[in-house]
Protein backbone atom coordinates (compact mmCIF):
# COMPACT_ATOMS: atom_id res chain seq x y z
CA MET A 1 23.55 -3.57 7.49
CA TYR A 2 23.59 -7.30 6.74
CA LEU A 3 20.56 -6.92 4.44
CA ALA A 4 22.26 -4.12 2.53
CA SER A 5 25.37 -6.20 1.91
CA GLU A 6 23.23 -9.14 0.81
CA MET A 7 21.38 -6.93 -1.68
CA THR A 8 24.63 -5.78 -3.24
CA THR A 9 25.90 -9.34 -3.62
CA LEU A 10 22.58 -10.50 -5.09
CA ALA A 11 22.65 -7.54 -7.48
CA GLY A 12 25.74 -9.09 -9.06
CA LEU A 13 23.38 -11.51 -10.81
CA ILE A 14 22.15 -8.71 -13.09
CA PRO A 15 24.02 -8.89 -16.40
CA ASP A 16 25.77 -5.72 -17.60
CA ALA A 17 24.28 -3.54 -14.86
CA LYS A 18 26.76 -0.79 -14.16
CA PRO A 19 25.15 1.97 -12.10
CA THR A 20 26.64 5.42 -12.55
CA GLU A 21 27.86 7.24 -9.46
CA ILE A 22 25.99 10.44 -8.76
CA THR A 23 28.20 13.48 -8.27
CA GLY A 24 28.44 14.41 -4.62
CA LEU A 25 27.12 11.02 -3.48
CA HIS A 26 29.79 8.38 -2.87
CA GLY A 27 30.13 5.15 -0.97
CA PRO A 28 27.60 2.44 -0.18
CA VAL A 29 24.61 4.78 -0.49
CA ALA A 30 25.40 5.49 -4.14
CA LYS A 31 25.88 1.79 -4.89
CA LEU A 32 22.64 0.75 -3.18
CA PHE A 33 20.70 3.51 -4.95
CA GLY A 34 22.12 2.54 -8.34
CA TRP A 35 21.50 -1.17 -7.90
CA GLY A 36 18.05 -0.46 -6.46
CA LEU A 37 16.99 1.19 -9.71
CA TRP A 38 18.18 -1.77 -11.74
CA LEU A 39 16.34 -4.14 -9.41
CA LEU A 40 13.21 -2.01 -9.83
CA VAL A 41 13.44 -2.53 -13.60
CA LEU A 42 13.69 -6.29 -13.08
CA ALA A 43 10.77 -6.25 -10.64
CA GLY A 44 8.71 -4.35 -13.19
CA ALA A 45 9.54 -6.91 -15.86
CA GLY A 46 8.56 -9.69 -13.47
CA GLY A 47 5.26 -7.98 -12.62
CA THR A 48 4.44 -7.53 -16.29
CA ALA A 49 5.26 -11.17 -17.02
CA PHE A 50 3.14 -12.31 -14.08
CA GLY A 51 0.24 -10.21 -15.39
CA VAL A 52 0.53 -11.82 -18.81
CA TYR A 53 0.58 -15.25 -17.14
CA LYS A 54 -2.51 -14.44 -15.05
CA LEU A 55 -4.29 -13.19 -18.17
CA ALA A 56 -3.50 -16.44 -19.96
CA ILE A 57 -4.92 -18.63 -17.18
CA SER A 58 -7.79 -16.39 -16.01
CA ASP A 59 -11.45 -17.28 -16.15
CA LYS A 60 -12.80 -15.57 -19.26
CA SER A 61 -16.46 -15.64 -18.23
CA ARG A 62 -18.41 -12.51 -17.35
CA HIS A 63 -18.04 -12.98 -13.61
CA GLY A 64 -14.33 -13.86 -13.67
CA GLY A 65 -12.91 -10.57 -12.38
CA GLY A 66 -10.68 -10.03 -15.37
CA SER A 67 -9.12 -6.72 -14.32
CA GLU A 68 -6.48 -8.21 -11.99
CA PRO A 69 -4.00 -9.23 -14.74
CA PHE A 70 -4.15 -5.72 -16.16
CA LYS A 71 -3.34 -4.29 -12.72
CA TRP A 72 -0.20 -6.46 -12.59
CA MET A 73 0.81 -5.54 -16.12
CA GLY A 74 0.14 -1.83 -15.58
CA ALA A 75 2.11 -1.75 -12.34
CA GLY A 76 5.01 -3.59 -13.98
CA VAL A 77 5.12 -1.22 -16.94
CA ALA A 78 4.87 1.78 -14.57
CA ALA A 79 7.82 0.45 -12.51
CA ILE A 80 9.91 -0.02 -15.67
CA LEU A 81 9.09 3.49 -16.91
CA LEU A 82 9.79 5.06 -13.51
CA ALA A 83 13.12 3.32 -13.02
CA GLY A 84 14.13 3.90 -16.64
CA SER A 85 13.42 7.61 -16.45
CA LEU A 86 15.27 7.91 -13.11
CA ILE A 87 18.27 6.07 -14.54
CA THR A 88 18.25 8.39 -17.56
CA ILE A 89 17.97 11.51 -15.40
CA LEU A 90 20.74 10.41 -13.03
CA ASN A 91 23.04 9.47 -15.91
CA GLY A 92 22.40 12.91 -17.39
CA ILE A 93 23.29 14.59 -14.10
CA ALA A 94 26.37 12.46 -13.46
CA GLY A 95 27.69 12.45 -17.00
């Protein structure tokens, strides 16, 4: 339970993140689920940025293995889209 309380205090660093409570789900579970989605958006943004960074510094020769930055960027964009759609769906259900 210590990790869960630490996650909620660290989630306070996110500006203007106000997760919506889901009807029928109250208490710490609802808070952790809401903050988890916002943290997933931030993780996706970080993954995309890391992919752009790796693309900028990668070896551009034929044998450089240039697909890794695109894996990072694709996974980051997928995480942003997943969390964004879940936030939209949950806000539609709750509101």
